[in-house]
Amino acid sequence: MRKFKFGNDPRLKSIIEFAIQKKCGMAIVKDQGVYLLAVHKQPDPKDPKGEMAIVKYARGFHPKFDVDWYDKVSGDDFVVPVSDRIMSRLKAMLDKPSIKFLHVKINQKSVSFIGKAA
């Protein structure tokens, strides 16, 4: 089982709100770090790929600031999609002032999201 912790801050909320608003989906990704990601494809003459991405790294898993991040989660890269239904529930949970962190647990069969005060 893999466990990750995200601070409940404006960045995390903006990713979820962006994904809901643009209907673009959200995923938990491990490649260069571990992070939540929302990507929206949009026409933009300044960006040839036409994509806008918002990223929020898990605590301790940012490749620029956490030298040992890879040792904590070695193995294959992964992408775990988060459904629209779960995103709506996450938004409601993270809107509660008592929730300071989002804990994510991933195993081969499921993903769980738990809001915690610490």
PDB file of N, CA and C in Angstrom:
ATOM      1  N   MET A   1       0.841  -1.184   0.000  1.00  0.00           N
ATOM      2  CA  MET A   1       0.000   0.000   0.000  1.00  0.00           C
ATOM      3  C   MET A   1       0.882   1.240   0.000  1.00  0.00           C
ATOM      4  N   ARG A   2       0.496   2.203  -0.791  1.00  0.00           N
ATOM      5  CA  ARG A   2       1.218   3.473  -0.860  1.00  0.00           C
ATOM      6  C   ARG A   2       0.367   4.547  -0.186  1.00  0.00           C
ATOM      7  N   LYS A   3       1.027   5.412   0.610  1.00  0.00           N
ATOM      8  CA  LYS A   3       0.317   6.466   1.332  1.00  0.00           C
ATOM      9  C   LYS A   3       0.943   7.812   1.012  1.00  0.00           C
ATOM     10  N   PHE A   4       0.077   8.803   0.780  1.00  0.00           N
ATOM     11  CA  PHE A   4       0.527  10.151   0.467  1.00  0.00           C
ATOM     12  C   PHE A   4      -0.318  11.150   1.236  1.00  0.00           C
ATOM     13  N   LYS A   5       0.275  12.303   1.505  1.00  0.00           N
ATOM     14  CA  LYS A   5      -0.396  13.340   2.290  1.00  0.00           C
ATOM     15  C   LYS A   5      -0.303  14.674   1.555  1.00  0.00           C
ATOM     16  N   PHE A   6      -1.445  15.335   1.396  1.00  0.00           N
ATOM     17  CA  PHE A   6      -1.508  16.629   0.742  1.00  0.00           C
ATOM     18  C   PHE A   6      -2.060  17.647   1.733  1.00  0.00           C
ATOM     19  N   GLY A   7      -1.435  18.811   1.806  1.00  0.00           N
ATOM     20  CA  GLY A   7      -1.967  19.882   2.640  1.00  0.00           C
ATOM     21  C   GLY A   7      -3.240  20.445   2.024  1.00  0.00           C
ATOM     22  N   ASN A   8      -4.241  20.709   2.856  1.00  0.00           N
ATOM     23  CA  ASN A   8      -5.494  21.292   2.379  1.00  0.00           C
ATOM     24  C   ASN A   8      -5.302  22.803   2.293  1.00  0.00           C
ATOM     25  N   ASP A   9      -4.912  23.260   1.129  1.00  0.00           N
ATOM     26  CA  ASP A   9      -4.631  24.675   0.910  1.00  0.00           C
ATOM     27  C   ASP A   9      -5.326  25.134  -0.373  1.00  0.00           C
ATOM     28  N   PRO A  10      -5.242  26.415  -0.694  1.00  0.00           N
ATOM     29  CA  PRO A  10      -5.920  26.909  -1.911  1.00  0.00           C
ATOM     30  C   PRO A  10      -5.494  26.183  -3.187  1.00  0.00           C
ATOM     31  N   ARG A  11      -4.250  25.737  -3.262  1.00  0.00           N
ATOM     32  CA  ARG A  11      -3.775  25.033  -4.464  1.00  0.00           C
ATOM     33  C   ARG A  11      -4.520  23.716  -4.657  1.00  0.00           C
ATOM     34  N   LEU A  12      -4.646  22.940  -3.590  1.00  0.00           N
ATOM     35  CA  LEU A  12      -5.355  21.662  -3.672  1.00  0.00           C
ATOM     36  C   LEU A  12      -6.811  21.890  -4.069  1.00  0.00           C
ATOM     37  N   LYS A  13      -7.446  22.854  -3.425  1.00  0.00           N
ATOM     38  CA  LYS A  13      -8.848  23.145  -3.745  1.00  0.00           C
ATOM     39  C   LYS A  13      -8.991  23.622  -5.187  1.00  0.00           C
ATOM     40  N   SER A  14      -8.029  24.408  -5.669  1.00  0.00           N
ATOM     41  CA  SER A  14      -8.130  24.920  -7.039  1.00  0.00           C
ATOM     42  C   SER A  14      -8.025  23.798  -8.070  1.00  0.00           C
ATOM     43  N   ILE A  15      -7.225  22.778  -7.787  1.00  0.00           N
ATOM     44  CA  ILE A  15      -7.123  21.644  -8.714  1.00  0.00           C
ATOM     45  C   ILE A  15      -8.463  20.931  -8.824  1.00  0.00           C
ATOM     46  N   ILE A  16      -9.075  20.672  -7.692  1.00  0.00           N
ATOM     47  CA  ILE A  16     -10.358  19.964  -7.691  1.00  0.00           C
ATOM     48  C   ILE A  16     -11.432  20.813  -8.355  1.00  0.00           C
ATOM     49  N   GLU A  17     -11.495  22.097  -8.010  1.00  0.00           N
ATOM     50  CA  GLU A  17     -12.493  22.982  -8.613  1.00  0.00           C
ATOM     51  C   GLU A  17     -12.277  23.124 -10.124  1.00  0.00           C
ATOM     52  N   PHE A  18     -11.018  23.234 -10.544  1.00  0.00           N
ATOM     53  CA  PHE A  18     -10.690  23.330 -11.965  1.00  0.00           C
ATOM     54  C   PHE A  18     -11.160  22.080 -12.705  1.00  0.00           C
ATOM     55  N   ALA A  19     -10.847  20.917 -12.154  1.00  0.00           N
ATOM     56  CA  ALA A  19     -11.222  19.653 -12.802  1.00  0.00           C
ATOM     57  C   ALA A  19     -12.742  19.512 -12.904  1.00  0.00           C
ATOM     58  N   ILE A  20     -13.456  19.930 -11.852  1.00  0.00           N
ATOM     59  CA  ILE A  20     -14.920  19.856 -11.876  1.00  0.00           C
ATOM     60  C   ILE A  20     -15.477  20.846 -12.894  1.00  0.00           C
ATOM     61  N   GLN A  21     -14.997  22.080 -12.841  1.00  0.00           N
ATOM     62  CA  GLN A  21     -15.507  23.135 -13.726  1.00  0.00           C
ATOM     63  C   GLN A  21     -15.249  22.826 -15.204  1.00  0.00           C
ATOM     64  N   LYS A  22     -14.035  22.394 -15.522  1.00  0.00           N
ATOM     65  CA  LYS A  22     -13.671  22.134 -16.919  1.00  0.00           C
ATOM     66  C   LYS A  22     -14.059  20.742 -17.388  1.00  0.00           C
ATOM     67  N   LYS A  23     -14.532  19.913 -16.437  1.00  0.00           N
ATOM     68  CA  LYS A  23     -14.900  18.523 -16.743  1.00  0.00           C
ATOM     69  C   LYS A  23     -13.737  17.780 -17.415  1.00  0.00           C
ATOM     70  N   CYS A  24     -12.539  18.005 -16.860  1.00  0.00           N
ATOM     71  CA  CYS A  24     -11.346  17.438 -17.494  1.00  0.00           C
ATOM     72  C   CYS A  24     -10.767  16.260 -16.722  1.00  0.00           C
ATOM     73  N   GLY A  25     -11.252  16.016 -15.550  1.00  0.00           N
ATOM     74  CA  GLY A  25     -10.748  14.894 -14.776  1.00  0.00           C
ATOM     75  C   GLY A  25      -9.510  15.244 -13.978  1.00  0.00           C
ATOM     76  N   MET A  26      -9.183  14.356 -13.078  1.00  0.00           N
ATOM     77  CA  MET A  26      -8.059  14.534 -12.181  1.00  0.00           C
ATOM     78  C   MET A  26      -7.427  13.155 -11.962  1.00  0.00           C
ATOM     79  N   ALA A  27      -6.138  13.140 -11.643  1.00  0.00           N
ATOM     80  CA  ALA A  27      -5.449  11.871 -11.418  1.00  0.00           C
ATOM     81  C   ALA A  27      -4.363  12.054 -10.362  1.00  0.00           C
ATOM     82  N   ILE A  28      -4.014  10.954  -9.726  1.00  0.00           N
ATOM     83  CA  ILE A  28      -2.837  10.892  -8.862  1.00  0.00           C
ATOM     84  C   ILE A  28      -1.753  10.263  -9.718  1.00  0.00           C
ATOM     85  N   VAL A  29      -0.599  10.928  -9.793  1.00  0.00           N
ATOM     86  CA  VAL A  29       0.447  10.517 -10.725  1.00  0.00           C
ATOM     87  C   VAL A  29       1.766  10.341  -9.983  1.00  0.00           C
ATOM     88  N   LYS A  30       2.520   9.327 -10.389  1.00  0.00           N
ATOM     89  CA  LYS A  30       3.899   9.171  -9.951  1.00  0.00           C
ATOM     90  C   LYS A  30       4.761   9.050 -11.187  1.00  0.00           C
ATOM     91  N   ASP A  31       5.585  10.038 -11.418  1.00  0.00           N
ATOM     92  CA  ASP A  31       6.649   9.940 -12.419  1.00  0.00           C
ATOM     93  C   ASP A  31       7.824  10.756 -11.896  1.00  0.00           C
ATOM     94  N   GLN A  32       7.854  12.040 -12.111  1.00  0.00           N
ATOM     95  CA  GLN A  32       8.858  12.902 -11.483  1.00  0.00           C
ATOM     96  C   GLN A  32       8.229  13.498 -10.234  1.00  0.00           C
ATOM     97  N   GLY A  33       8.132  12.708  -9.182  1.00  0.00           N
ATOM     98  CA  GLY A  33       7.441  13.087  -7.965  1.00  0.00           C
ATOM     99  C   GLY A  33       6.096  12.387  -7.910  1.00  0.00           C
ATOM    100  N   VAL A  34       5.346  12.692  -6.855  1.00  0.00           N
ATOM    101  CA  VAL A  34       3.984  12.174  -6.719  1.00  0.00           C
ATOM    102  C   VAL A  34       3.090  13.392  -6.551  1.00  0.00           C
ATOM    103  N   TYR A  35       2.033  13.470  -7.355  1.00  0.00           N
ATOM    104  CA  TYR A  35       1.211  14.666  -7.343  1.00  0.00           C
ATOM    105  C   TYR A  35      -0.204  14.397  -7.827  1.00  0.00           C
ATOM    106  N   LEU A  36      -1.100  15.338  -7.495  1.00  0.00           N
ATOM    107  CA  LEU A  36      -2.434  15.378  -8.076  1.00  0.00           C
ATOM    108  C   LEU A  36      -2.339  16.254  -9.318  1.00  0.00           C
ATOM    109  N   LEU A  37      -3.047  15.885 -10.349  1.00  0.00           N
ATOM    110  CA  LEU A  37      -2.947  16.572 -11.627  1.00  0.00           C
ATOM    111  C   LEU A  37      -4.327  16.731 -12.248  1.00  0.00           C
ATOM    112  N   ALA A  38      -4.593  17.934 -12.744  1.00  0.00           N
ATOM    113  CA  ALA A  38      -5.768  18.182 -13.577  1.00  0.00           C
ATOM    114  C   ALA A  38      -5.259  18.790 -14.873  1.00  0.00           C
ATOM    115  N   VAL A  39      -5.678  18.254 -15.999  1.00  0.00           N
ATOM    116  CA  VAL A  39      -5.243  18.751 -17.310  1.00  0.00           C
ATOM    117  C   VAL A  39      -6.474  19.067 -18.145  1.00  0.00           C
ATOM    118  N   HIS A  40      -6.477  20.262 -18.731  1.00  0.00           N
ATOM    119  CA  HIS A  40      -7.573  20.684 -19.599  1.00  0.00           C
ATOM    120  C   HIS A  40      -6.994  21.032 -20.959  1.00  0.00           C
ATOM    121  N   LYS A  41      -7.475  20.371 -21.985  1.00  0.00           N
ATOM    122  CA  LYS A  41      -7.036  20.691 -23.353  1.00  0.00           C
ATOM    123  C   LYS A  41      -7.874  21.851 -23.853  1.00  0.00           C
ATOM    124  N   GLN A  42      -7.180  22.883 -24.284  1.00  0.00           N
ATOM    125  CA  GLN A  42      -7.874  24.074 -24.757  1.00  0.00           C
ATOM    126  C   GLN A  42      -7.078  24.712 -25.879  1.00  0.00           C
ATOM    127  N   PRO A  43      -7.737  25.347 -26.805  1.00  0.00           N
ATOM    128  CA  PRO A  43      -7.000  26.031 -27.870  1.00  0.00           C
ATOM    129  C   PRO A  43      -6.275  27.257 -27.308  1.00  0.00           C
ATOM    130  N   ASP A  44      -4.979  27.314 -27.507  1.00  0.00           N
ATOM    131  CA  ASP A  44      -4.179  28.436 -27.032  1.00  0.00           C
ATOM    132  C   ASP A  44      -3.033  28.634 -28.013  1.00  0.00           C
ATOM    133  N   PRO A  45      -3.014  29.747 -28.740  1.00  0.00           N
ATOM    134  CA  PRO A  45      -1.962  29.960 -29.742  1.00  0.00           C
ATOM    135  C   PRO A  45      -0.560  30.043 -29.135  1.00  0.00           C
ATOM    136  N   LYS A  46      -0.457  30.357 -27.857  1.00  0.00           N
ATOM    137  CA  LYS A  46       0.855  30.446 -27.206  1.00  0.00           C
ATOM    138  C   LYS A  46       1.388  29.077 -26.790  1.00  0.00           C
ATOM    139  N   ASP A  47       0.500  28.092 -26.703  1.00  0.00           N
ATOM    140  CA  ASP A  47       0.886  26.754 -26.269  1.00  0.00           C
ATOM    141  C   ASP A  47       0.538  25.758 -27.365  1.00  0.00           C
ATOM    142  N   PRO A  48       1.542  25.239 -28.088  1.00  0.00           N
ATOM    143  CA  PRO A  48       1.252  24.329 -29.210  1.00  0.00           C
ATOM    144  C   PRO A  48       0.537  23.048 -28.784  1.00  0.00           C
ATOM    145  N   LYS A  49       0.749  22.603 -27.529  1.00  0.00           N
ATOM    146  CA  LYS A  49       0.051  21.400 -27.079  1.00  0.00           C
ATOM    147  C   LYS A  49      -1.402  21.704 -26.726  1.00  0.00           C
ATOM    148  N   GLY A  50      -1.699  22.968 -26.454  1.00  0.00           N
ATOM    149  CA  GLY A  50      -3.065  23.336 -26.122  1.00  0.00           C
ATOM    150  C   GLY A  50      -3.541  22.753 -24.810  1.00  0.00           C
ATOM    151  N   GLU A  51      -2.664  22.673 -23.821  1.00  0.00           N
ATOM    152  CA  GLU A  51      -3.036  22.094 -22.542  1.00  0.00           C
ATOM    153  C   GLU A  51      -2.746  23.071 -21.403  1.00  0.00           C
ATOM    154  N   MET A  52      -3.604  23.014 -20.405  1.00  0.00           N
ATOM    155  CA  MET A  52      -3.363  23.743 -19.179  1.00  0.00           C
ATOM    156  C   MET A  52      -3.384  22.713 -18.058  1.00  0.00           C
ATOM    157  N   ALA A  53      -2.309  22.627 -17.291  1.00  0.00           N
ATOM    158  CA  ALA A  53      -2.214  21.633 -16.225  1.00  0.00           C
ATOM    159  C   ALA A  53      -2.003  22.330 -14.890  1.00  0.00           C
ATOM    160  N   ILE A  54      -2.641  21.785 -13.850  1.00  0.00           N
ATOM    161  CA  ILE A  54      -2.433  22.255 -12.485  1.00  0.00           C
ATOM    162  C   ILE A  54      -1.952  21.048 -11.689  1.00  0.00           C
ATOM    163  N   VAL A  55      -0.885  21.268 -10.915  1.00  0.00           N
ATOM    164  CA  VAL A  55      -0.244  20.173 -10.180  1.00  0.00           C
ATOM    165  C   VAL A  55      -0.105  20.555  -8.717  1.00  0.00           C
ATOM    166  N   LYS A  56      -0.301  19.588  -7.820  1.00  0.00           N
ATOM    167  CA  LYS A  56      -0.057  19.749  -6.387  1.00  0.00           C
ATOM    168  C   LYS A  56       0.705  18.519  -5.919  1.00  0.00           C
ATOM    169  N   TYR A  57       1.960  18.719  -5.466  1.00  0.00           N
ATOM    170  CA  TYR A  57       2.797  17.601  -5.010  1.00  0.00           C
ATOM    171  C   TYR A  57       2.389  17.131  -3.626  1.00  0.00           C
ATOM    172  N   ALA A  58       2.513  15.829  -3.412  1.00  0.00           N
ATOM    173  CA  ALA A  58       2.319  15.262  -2.071  1.00  0.00           C
ATOM    174  C   ALA A  58       3.489  15.694  -1.190  1.00  0.00           C
ATOM    175  N   ARG A  59       3.226  15.825   0.090  1.00  0.00           N
ATOM    176  CA  ARG A  59       4.286  16.214   1.023  1.00  0.00           C
ATOM    177  C   ARG A  59       5.387  15.157   1.025  1.00  0.00           C
ATOM    178  N   GLY A  60       6.619  15.640   0.820  1.00  0.00           N
ATOM    179  CA  GLY A  60       7.765  14.747   0.818  1.00  0.00           C
ATOM    180  C   GLY A  60       8.070  14.100  -0.523  1.00  0.00           C
ATOM    181  N   PHE A  61       7.318  14.451  -1.580  1.00  0.00           N
ATOM    182  CA  PHE A  61       7.484  13.797  -2.877  1.00  0.00           C
ATOM    183  C   PHE A  61       7.707  14.777  -4.024  1.00  0.00           C
ATOM    184  N   HIS A  62       8.226  15.965  -3.730  1.00  0.00           N
ATOM    185  CA  HIS A  62       8.525  16.953  -4.771  1.00  0.00           C
ATOM    186  C   HIS A  62       9.965  16.723  -5.226  1.00  0.00           C
ATOM    187  N   PRO A  63      10.201  16.476  -6.514  1.00  0.00           N
ATOM    188  CA  PRO A  63      11.552  16.122  -6.965  1.00  0.00           C
ATOM    189  C   PRO A  63      12.588  17.231  -6.798  1.00  0.00           C
ATOM    190  N   LYS A  64      12.166  18.488  -6.741  1.00  0.00           N
ATOM    191  CA  LYS A  64      13.131  19.578  -6.578  1.00  0.00           C
ATOM    192  C   LYS A  64      13.503  19.828  -5.121  1.00  0.00           C
ATOM    193  N   PHE A  65      12.605  19.501  -4.206  1.00  0.00           N
ATOM    194  CA  PHE A  65      12.820  19.839  -2.808  1.00  0.00           C
ATOM    195  C   PHE A  65      13.024  18.634  -1.900  1.00  0.00           C
ATOM    196  N   ASP A  66      12.618  17.459  -2.329  1.00  0.00           N
ATOM    197  CA  ASP A  66      12.722  16.250  -1.512  1.00  0.00           C
ATOM    198  C   ASP A  66      13.657  15.265  -2.203  1.00  0.00           C
ATOM    199  N   VAL A  67      14.920  15.315  -1.832  1.00  0.00           N
ATOM    200  CA  VAL A  67      15.962  14.535  -2.502  1.00  0.00           C
ATOM    201  C   VAL A  67      15.666  13.037  -2.462  1.00  0.00           C
ATOM    202  N   ASP A  68      15.089  12.569  -1.380  1.00  0.00           N
ATOM    203  CA  ASP A  68      14.859  11.130  -1.204  1.00  0.00           C
ATOM    204  C   ASP A  68      13.454  10.683  -1.599  1.00  0.00           C
ATOM    205  N   TRP A  69      12.720  11.486  -2.356  1.00  0.00           N
ATOM    206  CA  TRP A  69      11.332  11.137  -2.672  1.00  0.00           C
ATOM    207  C   TRP A  69      11.226   9.792  -3.356  1.00  0.00           C
ATOM    208  N   TYR A  70      12.164   9.476  -4.243  1.00  0.00           N
ATOM    209  CA  TYR A  70      12.072   8.234  -5.005  1.00  0.00           C
ATOM    210  C   TYR A  70      12.267   7.007  -4.107  1.00  0.00           C
ATOM    211  N   ASP A  71      13.102   7.144  -3.096  1.00  0.00           N
ATOM    212  CA  ASP A  71      13.329   6.025  -2.171  1.00  0.00           C
ATOM    213  C   ASP A  71      12.056   5.658  -1.409  1.00  0.00           C
ATOM    214  N   LYS A  72      11.177   6.631  -1.224  1.00  0.00           N
ATOM    215  CA  LYS A  72       9.938   6.399  -0.480  1.00  0.00           C
ATOM    216  C   LYS A  72       8.872   5.700  -1.317  1.00  0.00           C
ATOM    217  N   VAL A  73       9.008   5.744  -2.647  1.00  0.00           N
ATOM    218  CA  VAL A  73       7.967   5.179  -3.513  1.00  0.00           C
ATOM    219  C   VAL A  73       8.581   4.592  -4.775  1.00  0.00           C
ATOM    220  N   SER A  74       9.570   3.761  -4.603  1.00  0.00           N
ATOM    221  CA  SER A  74      10.228   3.155  -5.763  1.00  0.00           C
ATOM    222  C   SER A  74       9.244   2.255  -6.507  1.00  0.00           C
ATOM    223  N   GLY A  75       9.620   1.883  -7.691  1.00  0.00           N
ATOM    224  CA  GLY A  75       8.752   1.035  -8.499  1.00  0.00           C
ATOM    225  C   GLY A  75       8.277   1.769  -9.731  1.00  0.00           C
ATOM    226  N   ASP A  76       7.333   1.143 -10.405  1.00  0.00           N
ATOM    227  CA  ASP A  76       6.833   1.684 -11.662  1.00  0.00           C
ATOM    228  C   ASP A  76       6.071   2.990 -11.466  1.00  0.00           C
ATOM    229  N   ASP A  77       6.106   3.820 -12.501  1.00  0.00           N
ATOM    230  CA  ASP A  77       5.275   5.019 -12.522  1.00  0.00           C
ATOM    231  C   ASP A  77       3.815   4.584 -12.584  1.00  0.00           C
ATOM    232  N   PHE A  78       2.924   5.470 -12.153  1.00  0.00           N
ATOM    233  CA  PHE A  78       1.504   5.141 -12.224  1.00  0.00           C
ATOM    234  C   PHE A  78       0.665   6.394 -12.425  1.00  0.00           C
ATOM    235  N   VAL A  79      -0.538   6.175 -12.931  1.00  0.00           N
ATOM    236  CA  VAL A  79      -1.566   7.201 -13.046  1.00  0.00           C
ATOM    237  C   VAL A  79      -2.857   6.565 -12.546  1.00  0.00           C
ATOM    238  N   VAL A  80      -3.447   7.167 -11.513  1.00  0.00           N
ATOM    239  CA  VAL A  80      -4.701   6.663 -10.954  1.00  0.00           C
ATOM    240  C   VAL A  80      -5.765   7.735 -11.166  1.00  0.00           C
ATOM    241  N   PRO A  81      -6.710   7.497 -12.068  1.00  0.00           N
ATOM    242  CA  PRO A  81      -7.751   8.496 -12.316  1.00  0.00           C
ATOM    243  C   PRO A  81      -8.685   8.629 -11.110  1.00  0.00           C
ATOM    244  N   VAL A  82      -9.209   9.843 -10.927  1.00  0.00           N
ATOM    245  CA  VAL A  82     -10.174  10.128  -9.865  1.00  0.00           C
ATOM    246  C   VAL A  82     -11.498  10.466 -10.545  1.00  0.00           C
ATOM    247  N   SER A  83     -12.542   9.761 -10.197  1.00  0.00           N
ATOM    248  CA  SER A  83     -13.842   9.945 -10.862  1.00  0.00           C
ATOM    249  C   SER A  83     -14.482  11.283 -10.489  1.00  0.00           C
ATOM    250  N   ASP A  84     -15.419  11.727 -11.324  1.00  0.00           N
ATOM    251  CA  ASP A  84     -16.161  12.962 -11.067  1.00  0.00           C
ATOM    252  C   ASP A  84     -16.891  12.881  -9.731  1.00  0.00           C
ATOM    253  N   ARG A  85     -17.466  11.747  -9.444  1.00  0.00           N
ATOM    254  CA  ARG A  85     -18.214  11.559  -8.194  1.00  0.00           C
ATOM    255  C   ARG A  85     -17.297  11.752  -6.989  1.00  0.00           C
ATOM    256  N   ILE A  86     -16.102  11.193  -7.053  1.00  0.00           N
ATOM    257  CA  ILE A  86     -15.128  11.327  -5.954  1.00  0.00           C
ATOM    258  C   ILE A  86     -14.656  12.775  -5.846  1.00  0.00           C
ATOM    259  N   MET A  87     -14.430  13.443  -6.981  1.00  0.00           N
ATOM    260  CA  MET A  87     -13.985  14.844  -6.939  1.00  0.00           C
ATOM    261  C   MET A  87     -15.008  15.714  -6.214  1.00  0.00           C
ATOM    262  N   SER A  88     -16.290  15.506  -6.466  1.00  0.00           N
ATOM    263  CA  SER A  88     -17.328  16.287  -5.787  1.00  0.00           C
ATOM    264  C   SER A  88     -17.308  16.025  -4.286  1.00  0.00           C
ATOM    265  N   ARG A  89     -17.117  14.783  -3.905  1.00  0.00           N
ATOM    266  CA  ARG A  89     -17.035  14.448  -2.473  1.00  0.00           C
ATOM    267  C   ARG A  89     -15.791  15.059  -1.830  1.00  0.00           C
ATOM    268  N   LEU A  90     -14.675  15.039  -2.563  1.00  0.00           N
ATOM    269  CA  LEU A  90     -13.439  15.644  -2.044  1.00  0.00           C
ATOM    270  C   LEU A  90     -13.622  17.140  -1.822  1.00  0.00           C
ATOM    271  N   LYS A  91     -14.257  17.800  -2.776  1.00  0.00           N
ATOM    272  CA  LYS A  91     -14.483  19.241  -2.644  1.00  0.00           C
ATOM    273  C   LYS A  91     -15.288  19.539  -1.388  1.00  0.00           C
ATOM    274  N   ALA A  92     -16.383  18.808  -1.169  1.00  0.00           N
ATOM    275  CA  ALA A  92     -17.216  19.018   0.013  1.00  0.00           C
ATOM    276  C   ALA A  92     -16.425  18.747   1.297  1.00  0.00           C
ATOM    277  N   MET A  93     -15.623  17.703   1.308  1.00  0.00           N
ATOM    278  CA  MET A  93     -14.831  17.369   2.490  1.00  0.00           C
ATOM    279  C   MET A  93     -13.789  18.449   2.775  1.00  0.00           C
ATOM    280  N   LEU A  94     -13.088  18.913   1.735  1.00  0.00           N
ATOM    281  CA  LEU A  94     -12.013  19.877   1.929  1.00  0.00           C
ATOM    282  C   LEU A  94     -12.529  21.283   2.233  1.00  0.00           C
ATOM    283  N   ASP A  95     -13.810  21.532   2.016  1.00  0.00           N
ATOM    284  CA  ASP A  95     -14.406  22.820   2.375  1.00  0.00           C
ATOM    285  C   ASP A  95     -14.630  22.949   3.880  1.00  0.00           C
ATOM    286  N   LYS A  96     -14.532  21.861   4.621  1.00  0.00           N
ATOM    287  CA  LYS A  96     -14.699  21.912   6.082  1.00  0.00           C
ATOM    288  C   LYS A  96     -13.427  22.494   6.707  1.00  0.00           C
ATOM    289  N   PRO A  97     -13.560  23.540   7.526  1.00  0.00           N
ATOM    290  CA  PRO A  97     -12.369  24.173   8.126  1.00  0.00           C
ATOM    291  C   PRO A  97     -11.534  23.236   8.997  1.00  0.00           C
ATOM    292  N   SER A  98     -12.136  22.210   9.554  1.00  0.00           N
ATOM    293  CA  SER A  98     -11.392  21.300  10.435  1.00  0.00           C
ATOM    294  C   SER A  98     -10.448  20.369   9.674  1.00  0.00           C
ATOM    295  N   ILE A  99     -10.645  20.217   8.357  1.00  0.00           N
ATOM    296  CA  ILE A  99      -9.823  19.315   7.558  1.00  0.00           C
ATOM    297  C   ILE A  99      -8.578  20.064   7.085  1.00  0.00           C
ATOM    298  N   LYS A 100      -7.410  19.649   7.593  1.00  0.00           N
ATOM    299  CA  LYS A 100      -6.144  20.308   7.256  1.00  0.00           C
ATOM    300  C   LYS A 100      -5.322  19.519   6.240  1.00  0.00           C
ATOM    301  N   PHE A 101      -5.589  18.206   6.134  1.00  0.00           N
ATOM    302  CA  PHE A 101      -4.809  17.352   5.244  1.00  0.00           C
ATOM    303  C   PHE A 101      -5.708  16.356   4.528  1.00  0.00           C
ATOM    304  N   LEU A 102      -5.297  16.001   3.331  1.00  0.00           N
ATOM    305  CA  LEU A 102      -5.930  14.931   2.576  1.00  0.00           C
ATOM    306  C   LEU A 102      -4.938  13.775   2.525  1.00  0.00           C
ATOM    307  N   HIS A 103      -5.305  12.657   3.123  1.00  0.00           N
ATOM    308  CA  HIS A 103      -4.478  11.460   3.097  1.00  0.00           C
ATOM    309  C   HIS A 103      -5.008  10.551   1.989  1.00  0.00           C
ATOM    310  N   VAL A 104      -4.107  10.052   1.160  1.00  0.00           N
ATOM    311  CA  VAL A 104      -4.478   9.185   0.045  1.00  0.00           C
ATOM    312  C   VAL A 104      -3.774   7.850   0.229  1.00  0.00           C
ATOM    313  N   LYS A 105      -4.546   6.781   0.162  1.00  0.00           N
ATOM    314  CA  LYS A 105      -3.985   5.427   0.237  1.00  0.00           C
ATOM    315  C   LYS A 105      -4.325   4.702  -1.058  1.00  0.00           C
ATOM    316  N   ILE A 106      -3.298   4.118  -1.665  1.00  0.00           N
ATOM    317  CA  ILE A 106      -3.478   3.426  -2.942  1.00  0.00           C
ATOM    318  C   ILE A 106      -2.971   1.995  -2.798  1.00  0.00           C
ATOM    319  N   ASN A 107      -3.802   1.042  -3.176  1.00  0.00           N
ATOM    320  CA  ASN A 107      -3.321  -0.335  -3.307  1.00  0.00           C
ATOM    321  C   ASN A 107      -3.743  -0.839  -4.680  1.00  0.00           C
ATOM    322  N   GLN A 108      -3.528  -2.094  -4.953  1.00  0.00           N
ATOM    323  CA  GLN A 108      -3.793  -2.605  -6.300  1.00  0.00           C
ATOM    324  C   GLN A 108      -5.262  -2.594  -6.676  1.00  0.00           C
ATOM    325  N   LYS A 109      -6.165  -2.584  -5.695  1.00  0.00           N
ATOM    326  CA  LYS A 109      -7.584  -2.676  -6.009  1.00  0.00           C
ATOM    327  C   LYS A 109      -8.380  -1.415  -5.704  1.00  0.00           C
ATOM    328  N   SER A 110      -7.819  -0.487  -4.917  1.00  0.00           N
ATOM    329  CA  SER A 110      -8.628   0.666  -4.543  1.00  0.00           C
ATOM    330  C   SER A 110      -7.775   1.879  -4.174  1.00  0.00           C
ATOM    331  N   VAL A 111      -8.466   3.004  -4.097  1.00  0.00           N
ATOM    332  CA  VAL A 111      -7.879   4.264  -3.649  1.00  0.00           C
ATOM    333  C   VAL A 111      -8.811   4.816  -2.588  1.00  0.00           C
ATOM    334  N   SER A 112      -8.257   5.280  -1.481  1.00  0.00           N
ATOM    335  CA  SER A 112      -9.100   5.904  -0.470  1.00  0.00           C
ATOM    336  C   SER A 112      -8.582   7.308  -0.173  1.00  0.00           C
ATOM    337  N   PHE A 113      -9.519   8.205   0.094  1.00  0.00           N
ATOM    338  CA  PHE A 113      -9.219   9.595   0.417  1.00  0.00           C
ATOM    339  C   PHE A 113      -9.797   9.859   1.802  1.00  0.00           C
ATOM    340  N   ILE A 114      -8.945  10.347   2.705  1.00  0.00           N
ATOM    341  CA  ILE A 114      -9.380  10.590   4.075  1.00  0.00           C
ATOM    342  C   ILE A 114      -8.977  12.001   4.475  1.00  0.00           C
ATOM    343  N   GLY A 115      -9.924  12.793   4.911  1.00  0.00           N
ATOM    344  CA  GLY A 115      -9.632  14.125   5.402  1.00  0.00           C
ATOM    345  C   GLY A 115      -9.284  14.049   6.881  1.00  0.00           C
ATOM    346  N   LYS A 116      -8.204  14.712   7.283  1.00  0.00           N
ATOM    347  CA  LYS A 116      -7.778  14.671   8.683  1.00  0.00           C
ATOM    348  C   LYS A 116      -7.376  16.056   9.171  1.00  0.00           C
ATOM    349  N   ALA A 117      -7.461  16.223  10.473  1.00  0.00           N
ATOM    350  CA  ALA A 117      -7.054  17.483  11.096  1.00  0.00           C
ATOM    351  C   ALA A 117      -5.541  17.561  11.227  1.00  0.00           C
ATOM    352  N   ALA A 118      -4.867  16.437  11.179  1.00  0.00           N
ATOM    353  CA  ALA A 118      -3.392  16.445  11.302  1.00  0.00           C
ATOM    354  C   ALA A 118      -2.779  15.387  10.398  1.00  0.00           C
TER     355      ALA A 118
END
